[in-house]
């Protein structure tokens, strides 16, 4: 359980989840129309935010510790940074067509 009066050195899952929700709320305040949380994420991104007015999709890694404690950010988060500009967006629907579920590109 988090201590009152300041963050834990090694945050619990509950505290880390609380920080993810804070990040989600901030993304929504800054214009994201949709923010998806990857619960229990071991992937490069904890949150995916879509900013339609900017034409941007952000992949966000959330950390509850101070940046100064993390070392070289570019090295630590290279997997996340390496995804920038590499993909084309495809809109799809997963639904039944002729009795079978399948992906339909829109």
PDB file of N, CA and C in Angstrom:
ATOM      1  N   UNK A   1       0.847  -1.187   0.000  1.00  0.00           N
ATOM      2  CA  UNK A   1       0.000   0.000   0.000  1.00  0.00           C
ATOM      3  C   UNK A   1       0.888   1.244   0.000  1.00  0.00           C
ATOM      4  N   UNK A   2       0.562   2.247  -0.843  1.00  0.00           N
ATOM      5  CA  UNK A   2       1.401   3.448  -0.905  1.00  0.00           C
ATOM      6  C   UNK A   2       1.397   4.215   0.411  1.00  0.00           C
ATOM      7  N   UNK A   3       2.557   4.796   0.739  1.00  0.00           N
ATOM      8  CA  UNK A   3       2.672   5.641   1.926  1.00  0.00           C
ATOM      9  C   UNK A   3       1.969   6.959   1.672  1.00  0.00           C
ATOM     10  N   UNK A   4       1.464   7.551   2.723  1.00  0.00           N
ATOM     11  CA  UNK A   4       0.922   8.907   2.605  1.00  0.00           C
ATOM     12  C   UNK A   4       2.088   9.883   2.650  1.00  0.00           C
ATOM     13  N   UNK A   5       1.972  10.943   1.892  1.00  0.00           N
ATOM     14  CA  UNK A   5       2.991  11.970   1.948  1.00  0.00           C
ATOM     15  C   UNK A   5       4.075  11.835   0.895  1.00  0.00           C
ATOM     16  N   UNK A   6       3.989  10.837   0.017  1.00  0.00           N
ATOM     17  CA  UNK A   6       4.989  10.745  -1.037  1.00  0.00           C
ATOM     18  C   UNK A   6       5.012   9.376  -1.675  1.00  0.00           C
ATOM     19  N   UNK A   7       5.625   9.276  -2.859  1.00  0.00           N
ATOM     20  CA  UNK A   7       5.660   8.002  -3.569  1.00  0.00           C
ATOM     21  C   UNK A   7       6.590   6.997  -2.893  1.00  0.00           C
ATOM     22  N   UNK A   8       6.327   5.733  -3.154  1.00  0.00           N
ATOM     23  CA  UNK A   8       7.181   4.654  -2.657  1.00  0.00           C
ATOM     24  C   UNK A   8       8.433   4.554  -3.505  1.00  0.00           C
ATOM     25  N   UNK A   9       9.504   4.028  -2.931  1.00  0.00           N
ATOM     26  CA  UNK A   9      10.723   3.783  -3.723  1.00  0.00           C
ATOM     27  C   UNK A   9      10.450   2.739  -4.798  1.00  0.00           C
ATOM     28  N   UNK A  10       9.790   1.650  -4.417  1.00  0.00           N
ATOM     29  CA  UNK A  10       9.413   0.590  -5.357  1.00  0.00           C
ATOM     30  C   UNK A  10       7.898   0.487  -5.341  1.00  0.00           C
ATOM     31  N   UNK A  11       7.233   1.205  -6.282  1.00  0.00           N
ATOM     32  CA  UNK A  11       5.782   1.301  -6.217  1.00  0.00           C
ATOM     33  C   UNK A  11       5.086  -0.048  -6.382  1.00  0.00           C
ATOM     34  N   UNK A  12       4.017  -0.206  -5.652  1.00  0.00           N
ATOM     35  CA  UNK A  12       3.195  -1.402  -5.772  1.00  0.00           C
ATOM     36  C   UNK A  12       2.406  -1.335  -7.071  1.00  0.00           C
ATOM     37  N   UNK A  13       1.767  -2.450  -7.414  1.00  0.00           N
ATOM     38  CA  UNK A  13       0.935  -2.489  -8.605  1.00  0.00           C
ATOM     39  C   UNK A  13      -0.180  -1.445  -8.509  1.00  0.00           C
ATOM     40  N   UNK A  14      -0.802  -1.334  -7.339  1.00  0.00           N
ATOM     41  CA  UNK A  14      -1.905  -0.386  -7.161  1.00  0.00           C
ATOM     42  C   UNK A  14      -1.433   1.054  -7.378  1.00  0.00           C
ATOM     43  N   UNK A  15      -0.257   1.394  -6.872  1.00  0.00           N
ATOM     44  CA  UNK A  15       0.268   2.747  -7.051  1.00  0.00           C
ATOM     45  C   UNK A  15       0.607   2.989  -8.522  1.00  0.00           C
ATOM     46  N   UNK A  16       1.232   2.013  -9.166  1.00  0.00           N
ATOM     47  CA  UNK A  16       1.586   2.141 -10.582  1.00  0.00           C
ATOM     48  C   UNK A  16       0.320   2.310 -11.436  1.00  0.00           C
ATOM     49  N   UNK A  17      -0.722   1.570 -11.106  1.00  0.00           N
ATOM     50  CA  UNK A  17      -1.995   1.680 -11.824  1.00  0.00           C
ATOM     51  C   UNK A  17      -2.578   3.083 -11.635  1.00  0.00           C
ATOM     52  N   UNK A  18      -2.457   3.616 -10.435  1.00  0.00           N
ATOM     53  CA  UNK A  18      -2.931   4.972 -10.141  1.00  0.00           C
ATOM     54  C   UNK A  18      -2.189   5.997 -11.011  1.00  0.00           C
ATOM     55  N   UNK A  19      -0.888   5.813 -11.177  1.00  0.00           N
ATOM     56  CA  UNK A  19      -0.098   6.717 -12.020  1.00  0.00           C
ATOM     57  C   UNK A  19      -0.528   6.581 -13.485  1.00  0.00           C
ATOM     58  N   UNK A  20      -0.834   5.367 -13.939  1.00  0.00           N
ATOM     59  CA  UNK A  20      -1.329   5.165 -15.308  1.00  0.00           C
ATOM     60  C   UNK A  20      -2.640   5.913 -15.523  1.00  0.00           C
ATOM     61  N   UNK A  21      -3.540   5.867 -14.550  1.00  0.00           N
ATOM     62  CA  UNK A  21      -4.801   6.597 -14.672  1.00  0.00           C
ATOM     63  C   UNK A  21      -4.572   8.109 -14.687  1.00  0.00           C
ATOM     64  N   UNK A  22      -3.605   8.590 -13.937  1.00  0.00           N
ATOM     65  CA  UNK A  22      -3.250  10.008 -13.972  1.00  0.00           C
ATOM     66  C   UNK A  22      -2.758  10.386 -15.374  1.00  0.00           C
ATOM     67  N   UNK A  23      -1.919   9.532 -15.965  1.00  0.00           N
ATOM     68  CA  UNK A  23      -1.426   9.784 -17.325  1.00  0.00           C
ATOM     69  C   UNK A  23      -2.580   9.764 -18.324  1.00  0.00           C
ATOM     70  N   UNK A  24      -3.497   8.805 -18.170  1.00  0.00           N
ATOM     71  CA  UNK A  24      -4.659   8.714 -19.061  1.00  0.00           C
ATOM     72  C   UNK A  24      -5.488   9.994 -18.990  1.00  0.00           C
ATOM     73  N   UNK A  25      -5.756  10.456 -17.775  1.00  0.00           N
ATOM     74  CA  UNK A  25      -6.548  11.676 -17.606  1.00  0.00           C
ATOM     75  C   UNK A  25      -5.860  12.881 -18.231  1.00  0.00           C
ATOM     76  N   UNK A  26      -4.554  12.961 -18.088  1.00  0.00           N
ATOM     77  CA  UNK A  26      -3.799  14.073 -18.667  1.00  0.00           C
ATOM     78  C   UNK A  26      -3.845  14.018 -20.197  1.00  0.00           C
ATOM     79  N   UNK A  27      -3.730  12.815 -20.770  1.00  0.00           N
ATOM     80  CA  UNK A  27      -3.818  12.673 -22.228  1.00  0.00           C
ATOM     81  C   UNK A  27      -5.185  13.123 -22.741  1.00  0.00           C
ATOM     82  N   UNK A  28      -6.231  12.757 -22.031  1.00  0.00           N
ATOM     83  CA  UNK A  28      -7.584  13.179 -22.423  1.00  0.00           C
ATOM     84  C   UNK A  28      -7.724  14.699 -22.332  1.00  0.00           C
ATOM     85  N   UNK A  29      -7.153  15.306 -21.294  1.00  0.00           N
ATOM     86  CA  UNK A  29      -7.191  16.764 -21.139  1.00  0.00           C
ATOM     87  C   UNK A  29      -6.439  17.457 -22.267  1.00  0.00           C
ATOM     88  N   UNK A  30      -5.404  16.806 -22.783  1.00  0.00           N
ATOM     89  CA  UNK A  30      -4.587  17.408 -23.841  1.00  0.00           C
ATOM     90  C   UNK A  30      -5.125  17.130 -25.239  1.00  0.00           C
ATOM     91  N   UNK A  31      -6.318  16.506 -25.322  1.00  0.00           N
ATOM     92  CA  UNK A  31      -6.965  16.365 -26.623  1.00  0.00           C
ATOM     93  C   UNK A  31      -7.076  14.965 -27.183  1.00  0.00           C
ATOM     94  N   UNK A  32      -6.629  13.960 -26.460  1.00  0.00           N
ATOM     95  CA  UNK A  32      -6.792  12.591 -26.965  1.00  0.00           C
ATOM     96  C   UNK A  32      -8.277  12.250 -26.960  1.00  0.00           C
ATOM     97  N   UNK A  33      -8.747  11.634 -28.031  1.00  0.00           N
ATOM     98  CA  UNK A  33     -10.155  11.241 -28.083  1.00  0.00           C
ATOM     99  C   UNK A  33     -10.351   9.835 -27.525  1.00  0.00           C
ATOM    100  N   UNK A  34      -9.276   9.066 -27.479  1.00  0.00           N
ATOM    101  CA  UNK A  34      -9.337   7.697 -26.981  1.00  0.00           C
ATOM    102  C   UNK A  34      -8.000   7.346 -26.356  1.00  0.00           C
ATOM    103  N   UNK A  35      -8.044   6.754 -25.157  1.00  0.00           N
ATOM    104  CA  UNK A  35      -6.837   6.257 -24.506  1.00  0.00           C
ATOM    105  C   UNK A  35      -7.127   4.831 -24.062  1.00  0.00           C
ATOM    106  N   UNK A  36      -6.296   3.898 -24.506  1.00  0.00           N
ATOM    107  CA  UNK A  36      -6.464   2.491 -24.174  1.00  0.00           C
ATOM    108  C   UNK A  36      -5.336   2.079 -23.245  1.00  0.00           C
ATOM    109  N   UNK A  37      -5.691   1.424 -22.145  1.00  0.00           N
ATOM    110  CA  UNK A  37      -4.704   0.964 -21.160  1.00  0.00           C
ATOM    111  C   UNK A  37      -4.451  -0.523 -21.375  1.00  0.00           C
ATOM    112  N   UNK A  38      -3.196  -0.884 -21.441  1.00  0.00           N
ATOM    113  CA  UNK A  38      -2.793  -2.282 -21.551  1.00  0.00           C
ATOM    114  C   UNK A  38      -2.499  -2.788 -20.143  1.00  0.00           C
ATOM    115  N   UNK A  39      -3.498  -3.371 -19.484  1.00  0.00           N
ATOM    116  CA  UNK A  39      -3.373  -3.805 -18.090  1.00  0.00           C
ATOM    117  C   UNK A  39      -2.272  -4.851 -17.935  1.00  0.00           C
ATOM    118  N   UNK A  40      -1.470  -4.688 -16.893  1.00  0.00           N
ATOM    119  CA  UNK A  40      -0.389  -5.643 -16.618  1.00  0.00           C
ATOM    120  C   UNK A  40       0.621  -5.719 -17.738  1.00  0.00           C
ATOM    121  N   UNK A  41       0.792  -4.618 -18.439  1.00  0.00           N
ATOM    122  CA  UNK A  41       1.598  -4.587 -19.654  1.00  0.00           C
ATOM    123  C   UNK A  41       3.059  -4.952 -19.425  1.00  0.00           C
ATOM    124  N   UNK A  42       3.557  -5.844 -20.252  1.00  0.00           N
ATOM    125  CA  UNK A  42       4.991  -6.142 -20.339  1.00  0.00           C
ATOM    126  C   UNK A  42       5.499  -5.709 -21.709  1.00  0.00           C
ATOM    127  N   UNK A  43       4.646  -4.992 -22.432  1.00  0.00           N
ATOM    128  CA  UNK A  43       4.997  -4.508 -23.759  1.00  0.00           C
ATOM    129  C   UNK A  43       5.649  -3.130 -23.642  1.00  0.00           C
ATOM    130  N   UNK A  44       6.151  -2.601 -24.747  1.00  0.00           N
ATOM    131  CA  UNK A  44       6.788  -1.280 -24.686  1.00  0.00           C
ATOM    132  C   UNK A  44       5.828  -0.158 -24.265  1.00  0.00           C
ATOM    133  N   UNK A  45       4.514  -0.310 -24.490  1.00  0.00           N
ATOM    134  CA  UNK A  45       3.568   0.765 -24.181  1.00  0.00           C
ATOM    135  C   UNK A  45       2.519   0.326 -23.168  1.00  0.00           C
ATOM    136  N   UNK A  46       2.284   1.189 -22.179  1.00  0.00           N
ATOM    137  CA  UNK A  46       1.219   0.963 -21.199  1.00  0.00           C
ATOM    138  C   UNK A  46      -0.086   1.588 -21.660  1.00  0.00           C
ATOM    139  N   UNK A  47       0.018   2.700 -22.388  1.00  0.00           N
ATOM    140  CA  UNK A  47      -1.157   3.414 -22.875  1.00  0.00           C
ATOM    141  C   UNK A  47      -1.005   3.702 -24.366  1.00  0.00           C
ATOM    142  N   UNK A  48      -2.125   3.690 -25.070  1.00  0.00           N
ATOM    143  CA  UNK A  48      -2.165   4.101 -26.474  1.00  0.00           C
ATOM    144  C   UNK A  48      -3.185   5.225 -26.555  1.00  0.00           C
ATOM    145  N   UNK A  49      -2.746   6.385 -27.040  1.00  0.00           N
ATOM    146  CA  UNK A  49      -3.609   7.558 -27.111  1.00  0.00           C
ATOM    147  C   UNK A  49      -3.742   8.015 -28.555  1.00  0.00           C
ATOM    148  N   UNK A  50      -4.974   8.338 -28.948  1.00  0.00           N
ATOM    149  CA  UNK A  50      -5.246   8.809 -30.305  1.00  0.00           C
ATOM    150  C   UNK A  50      -5.645  10.281 -30.243  1.00  0.00           C
ATOM    151  N   UNK A  51      -4.893  11.103 -30.999  1.00  0.00           N
ATOM    152  CA  UNK A  51      -5.143  12.543 -31.098  1.00  0.00           C
ATOM    153  C   UNK A  51      -5.594  12.853 -32.526  1.00  0.00           C
ATOM    154  N   UNK A  52      -6.904  12.819 -32.797  1.00  0.00           N
ATOM    155  CA  UNK A  52      -7.364  13.022 -34.183  1.00  0.00           C
ATOM    156  C   UNK A  52      -7.043  14.403 -34.755  1.00  0.00           C
ATOM    157  N   UNK A  53      -7.090  15.440 -33.941  1.00  0.00           N
ATOM    158  CA  UNK A  53      -6.821  16.789 -34.454  1.00  0.00           C
ATOM    159  C   UNK A  53      -5.366  16.962 -34.861  1.00  0.00           C
ATOM    160  N   UNK A  54      -4.459  16.256 -34.184  1.00  0.00           N
ATOM    161  CA  UNK A  54      -3.030  16.315 -34.513  1.00  0.00           C
ATOM    162  C   UNK A  54      -2.644  15.261 -35.545  1.00  0.00           C
ATOM    163  N   UNK A  55      -3.525  14.263 -35.735  1.00  0.00           N
ATOM    164  CA  UNK A  55      -3.189  13.150 -36.621  1.00  0.00           C
ATOM    165  C   UNK A  55      -2.104  12.278 -36.023  1.00  0.00           C
ATOM    166  N   UNK A  56      -2.119  12.140 -34.690  1.00  0.00           N
ATOM    167  CA  UNK A  56      -1.063  11.386 -34.006  1.00  0.00           C
ATOM    168  C   UNK A  56      -1.636  10.257 -33.158  1.00  0.00           C
ATOM    169  N   UNK A  57      -0.840   9.206 -33.038  1.00  0.00           N
ATOM    170  CA  UNK A  57      -1.102   8.130 -32.096  1.00  0.00           C
ATOM    171  C   UNK A  57       0.133   8.031 -31.219  1.00  0.00           C
ATOM    172  N   UNK A  58      -0.062   8.117 -29.916  1.00  0.00           N
ATOM    173  CA  UNK A  58       1.061   8.045 -28.973  1.00  0.00           C
ATOM    174  C   UNK A  58       1.062   6.691 -28.284  1.00  0.00           C
ATOM    175  N   UNK A  59       2.241   6.084 -28.219  1.00  0.00           N
ATOM    176  CA  UNK A  59       2.471   4.894 -27.406  1.00  0.00           C
ATOM    177  C   UNK A  59       3.207   5.382 -26.164  1.00  0.00           C
ATOM    178  N   UNK A  60       2.618   5.177 -24.995  1.00  0.00           N
ATOM    179  CA  UNK A  60       3.137   5.787 -23.770  1.00  0.00           C
ATOM    180  C   UNK A  60       3.540   4.712 -22.766  1.00  0.00           C
ATOM    181  N   UNK A  61       4.770   4.764 -22.318  1.00  0.00           N
ATOM    182  CA  UNK A  61       5.244   3.926 -21.211  1.00  0.00           C
ATOM    183  C   UNK A  61       5.124   4.772 -19.951  1.00  0.00           C
ATOM    184  N   UNK A  62       4.498   4.243 -18.912  1.00  0.00           N
ATOM    185  CA  UNK A  62       4.282   4.985 -17.670  1.00  0.00           C
ATOM    186  C   UNK A  62       5.187   4.417 -16.588  1.00  0.00           C
ATOM    187  N   UNK A  63       5.910   5.295 -15.919  1.00  0.00           N
ATOM    188  CA  UNK A  63       6.769   4.896 -14.805  1.00  0.00           C
ATOM    189  C   UNK A  63       6.434   5.746 -13.593  1.00  0.00           C
ATOM    190  N   UNK A  64       6.377   5.123 -12.431  1.00  0.00           N
ATOM    191  CA  UNK A  64       6.048   5.827 -11.186  1.00  0.00           C
ATOM    192  C   UNK A  64       7.286   6.405 -10.512  1.00  0.00           C
ATOM    193  N   UNK A  65       8.467   6.114 -11.042  1.00  0.00           N
ATOM    194  CA  UNK A  65       9.689   6.617 -10.422  1.00  0.00           C
ATOM    195  C   UNK A  65      10.155   7.891 -11.111  1.00  0.00           C
ATOM    196  N   UNK A  66      11.059   8.631 -10.465  1.00  0.00           N
ATOM    197  CA  UNK A  66      11.606   9.852 -11.041  1.00  0.00           C
ATOM    198  C   UNK A  66      12.489   9.531 -12.238  1.00  0.00           C
ATOM    199  N   UNK A  67      12.478  10.426 -13.210  1.00  0.00           N
ATOM    200  CA  UNK A  67      13.306  10.277 -14.411  1.00  0.00           C
ATOM    201  C   UNK A  67      14.781  10.161 -14.041  1.00  0.00           C
ATOM    202  N   UNK A  68      15.223  10.923 -13.034  1.00  0.00           N
ATOM    203  CA  UNK A  68      16.623  10.903 -12.624  1.00  0.00           C
ATOM    204  C   UNK A  68      17.074   9.518 -12.168  1.00  0.00           C
ATOM    205  N   UNK A  69      16.156   8.699 -11.701  1.00  0.00           N
ATOM    206  CA  UNK A  69      16.489   7.351 -11.221  1.00  0.00           C
ATOM    207  C   UNK A  69      16.569   6.323 -12.351  1.00  0.00           C
ATOM    208  N   UNK A  70      16.168   6.708 -13.556  1.00  0.00           N
ATOM    209  CA  UNK A  70      16.054   5.748 -14.652  1.00  0.00           C
ATOM    210  C   UNK A  70      17.291   5.626 -15.519  1.00  0.00           C
ATOM    211  N   UNK A  71      18.213   6.544 -15.452  1.00  0.00           N
ATOM    212  CA  UNK A  71      19.382   6.484 -16.316  1.00  0.00           C
ATOM    213  C   UNK A  71      19.083   7.023 -17.701  1.00  0.00           C
ATOM    214  N   UNK A  72      19.753   6.483 -18.704  1.00  0.00           N
ATOM    215  CA  UNK A  72      19.607   6.952 -20.088  1.00  0.00           C
ATOM    216  C   UNK A  72      18.258   6.522 -20.659  1.00  0.00           C
ATOM    217  N   UNK A  73      17.359   7.484 -20.852  1.00  0.00           N
ATOM    218  CA  UNK A  73      16.003   7.177 -21.322  1.00  0.00           C
ATOM    219  C   UNK A  73      15.994   6.597 -22.732  1.00  0.00           C
ATOM    220  N   UNK A  74      16.849   7.113 -23.618  1.00  0.00           N
ATOM    221  CA  UNK A  74      16.867   6.618 -24.996  1.00  0.00           C
ATOM    222  C   UNK A  74      17.275   5.141 -25.044  1.00  0.00           C
ATOM    223  N   UNK A  75      18.205   4.750 -24.202  1.00  0.00           N
ATOM    224  CA  UNK A  75      18.635   3.349 -24.159  1.00  0.00           C
ATOM    225  C   UNK A  75      17.561   2.483 -23.515  1.00  0.00           C
ATOM    226  N   UNK A  76      17.021   2.944 -22.402  1.00  0.00           N
ATOM    227  CA  UNK A  76      16.047   2.167 -21.657  1.00  0.00           C
ATOM    228  C   UNK A  76      14.766   1.927 -22.457  1.00  0.00           C
ATOM    229  N   UNK A  77      14.335   2.930 -23.212  1.00  0.00           N
ATOM    230  CA  UNK A  77      13.070   2.828 -23.932  1.00  0.00           C
ATOM    231  C   UNK A  77      13.261   2.761 -25.447  1.00  0.00           C
ATOM    232  N   UNK A  78      14.364   2.179 -25.902  1.00  0.00           N
ATOM    233  CA  UNK A  78      14.658   2.099 -27.337  1.00  0.00           C
ATOM    234  C   UNK A  78      13.581   1.331 -28.091  1.00  0.00           C
ATOM    235  N   UNK A  79      13.003   0.291 -27.475  1.00  0.00           N
ATOM    236  CA  UNK A  79      11.977  -0.506 -28.154  1.00  0.00           C
ATOM    237  C   UNK A  79      10.753   0.350 -28.470  1.00  0.00           C
ATOM    238  N   UNK A  80      10.395   1.227 -27.560  1.00  0.00           N
ATOM    239  CA  UNK A  80       9.260   2.119 -27.777  1.00  0.00           C
ATOM    240  C   UNK A  80       9.604   3.163 -28.842  1.00  0.00           C
ATOM    241  N   UNK A  81      10.761   3.792 -28.720  1.00  0.00           N
ATOM    242  CA  UNK A  81      11.176   4.824 -29.669  1.00  0.00           C
ATOM    243  C   UNK A  81      11.334   4.256 -31.081  1.00  0.00           C
ATOM    244  N   UNK A  82      11.776   3.018 -31.179  1.00  0.00           N
ATOM    245  CA  UNK A  82      12.012   2.411 -32.498  1.00  0.00           C
ATOM    246  C   UNK A  82      10.719   2.191 -33.289  1.00  0.00           C
ATOM    247  N   UNK A  83       9.572   2.254 -32.634  1.00  0.00           N
ATOM    248  CA  UNK A  83       8.291   2.060 -33.319  1.00  0.00           C
ATOM    249  C   UNK A  83       7.807   3.316 -34.036  1.00  0.00           C
ATOM    250  N   UNK A  84       8.379   4.469 -33.718  1.00  0.00           N
ATOM    251  CA  UNK A  84       7.942   5.725 -34.331  1.00  0.00           C
ATOM    252  C   UNK A  84       8.063   5.687 -35.841  1.00  0.00           C
ATOM    253  N   UNK A  85       6.975   6.055 -36.508  1.00  0.00           N
ATOM    254  CA  UNK A  85       6.986   6.196 -37.962  1.00  0.00           C
ATOM    255  C   UNK A  85       7.078   4.905 -38.757  1.00  0.00           C
ATOM    256  N   UNK A  86       6.938   3.755 -38.105  1.00  0.00           N
ATOM    257  CA  UNK A  86       7.148   2.489 -38.810  1.00  0.00           C
ATOM    258  C   UNK A  86       5.870   1.837 -39.329  1.00  0.00           C
ATOM    259  N   UNK A  87       4.718   2.314 -38.918  1.00  0.00           N
ATOM    260  CA  UNK A  87       3.487   1.604 -39.234  1.00  0.00           C
ATOM    261  C   UNK A  87       2.479   2.493 -39.928  1.00  0.00           C
ATOM    262  N   UNK A  88       1.666   1.861 -40.752  1.00  0.00           N
ATOM    263  CA  UNK A  88       0.556   2.521 -41.404  1.00  0.00           C
ATOM    264  C   UNK A  88      -0.706   2.111 -40.656  1.00  0.00           C
ATOM    265  N   UNK A  89      -1.568   3.052 -40.387  1.00  0.00           N
ATOM    266  CA  UNK A  89      -2.798   2.777 -39.659  1.00  0.00           C
ATOM    267  C   UNK A  89      -3.803   2.082 -40.562  1.00  0.00           C
ATOM    268  N   UNK A  90      -4.436   1.041 -40.054  1.00  0.00           N
ATOM    269  CA  UNK A  90      -5.512   0.344 -40.756  1.00  0.00           C
ATOM    270  C   UNK A  90      -6.716   0.294 -39.830  1.00  0.00           C
ATOM    271  N   UNK A  91      -7.877   0.690 -40.325  1.00  0.00           N
ATOM    272  CA  UNK A  91      -9.118   0.586 -39.557  1.00  0.00           C
ATOM    273  C   UNK A  91      -9.776  -0.740 -39.931  1.00  0.00           C
ATOM    274  N   UNK A  92     -10.158  -1.494 -38.919  1.00  0.00           N
ATOM    275  CA  UNK A  92     -10.723  -2.821 -39.184  1.00  0.00           C
ATOM    276  C   UNK A  92     -11.904  -3.087 -38.274  1.00  0.00           C
ATOM    277  N   UNK A  93     -12.754  -3.982 -38.710  1.00  0.00           N
ATOM    278  CA  UNK A  93     -13.901  -4.460 -37.954  1.00  0.00           C
ATOM    279  C   UNK A  93     -13.760  -5.964 -37.830  1.00  0.00           C
ATOM    280  N   UNK A  94     -14.007  -6.517 -36.650  1.00  0.00           N
ATOM    281  CA  UNK A  94     -14.011  -7.969 -36.448  1.00  0.00           C
ATOM    282  C   UNK A  94     -15.458  -8.358 -36.220  1.00  0.00           C
ATOM    283  N   UNK A  95     -16.052  -9.020 -37.199  1.00  0.00           N
ATOM    284  CA  UNK A  95     -17.470  -9.362 -37.129  1.00  0.00           C
ATOM    285  C   UNK A  95     -17.743 -10.591 -37.999  1.00  0.00           C
ATOM    286  N   UNK A  96     -18.965 -11.107 -37.849  1.00  0.00           N
ATOM    287  CA  UNK A  96     -19.362 -12.254 -38.662  1.00  0.00           C
ATOM    288  C   UNK A  96     -19.670 -11.805 -40.078  1.00  0.00           C
ATOM    289  N   UNK A  97     -19.189 -12.593 -41.012  1.00  0.00           N
ATOM    290  CA  UNK A  97     -19.534 -12.421 -42.422  1.00  0.00           C
ATOM    291  C   UNK A  97     -19.746 -13.810 -42.976  1.00  0.00           C
ATOM    292  N   UNK A  98     -20.940 -14.068 -43.441  1.00  0.00           N
ATOM    293  CA  UNK A  98     -21.303 -15.395 -43.956  1.00  0.00           C
ATOM    294  C   UNK A  98     -21.058 -16.473 -42.907  1.00  0.00           C
ATOM    295  N   UNK A  99     -21.427 -16.160 -41.639  1.00  0.00           N
ATOM    296  CA  UNK A  99     -21.363 -17.145 -40.574  1.00  0.00           C
ATOM    297  C   UNK A  99     -20.005 -17.341 -39.910  1.00  0.00           C
ATOM    298  N   UNK A 100     -18.979 -16.635 -40.359  1.00  0.00           N
ATOM    299  CA  UNK A 100     -17.638 -16.771 -39.771  1.00  0.00           C
ATOM    300  C   UNK A 100     -17.131 -15.418 -39.315  1.00  0.00           C
ATOM    301  N   UNK A 101     -16.485 -15.405 -38.140  1.00  0.00           N
ATOM    302  CA  UNK A 101     -15.863 -14.168 -37.673  1.00  0.00           C
ATOM    303  C   UNK A 101     -14.576 -13.936 -38.449  1.00  0.00           C
ATOM    304  N   UNK A 102     -14.405 -12.691 -38.878  1.00  0.00           N
ATOM    305  CA  UNK A 102     -13.187 -12.340 -39.578  1.00  0.00           C
ATOM    306  C   UNK A 102     -12.947 -10.840 -39.500  1.00  0.00           C
ATOM    307  N   UNK A 103     -11.719 -10.439 -39.806  1.00  0.00           N
ATOM    308  CA  UNK A 103     -11.366  -9.032 -39.849  1.00  0.00           C
ATOM    309  C   UNK A 103     -11.748  -8.485 -41.212  1.00  0.00           C
ATOM    310  N   UNK A 104     -12.427  -7.350 -41.212  1.00  0.00           N
ATOM    311  CA  UNK A 104     -12.784  -6.671 -42.445  1.00  0.00           C
ATOM    312  C   UNK A 104     -12.153  -5.289 -42.417  1.00  0.00           C
ATOM    313  N   UNK A 105     -11.259  -5.032 -43.354  1.00  0.00           N
ATOM    314  CA  UNK A 105     -10.652  -3.701 -43.432  1.00  0.00           C
ATOM    315  C   UNK A 105     -11.697  -2.716 -43.901  1.00  0.00           C
ATOM    316  N   UNK A 106     -11.783  -1.594 -43.217  1.00  0.00           N
ATOM    317  CA  UNK A 106     -12.806  -0.589 -43.538  1.00  0.00           C
ATOM    318  C   UNK A 106     -12.301   0.393 -44.575  1.00  0.00           C
TER     319      UNK A 106
END
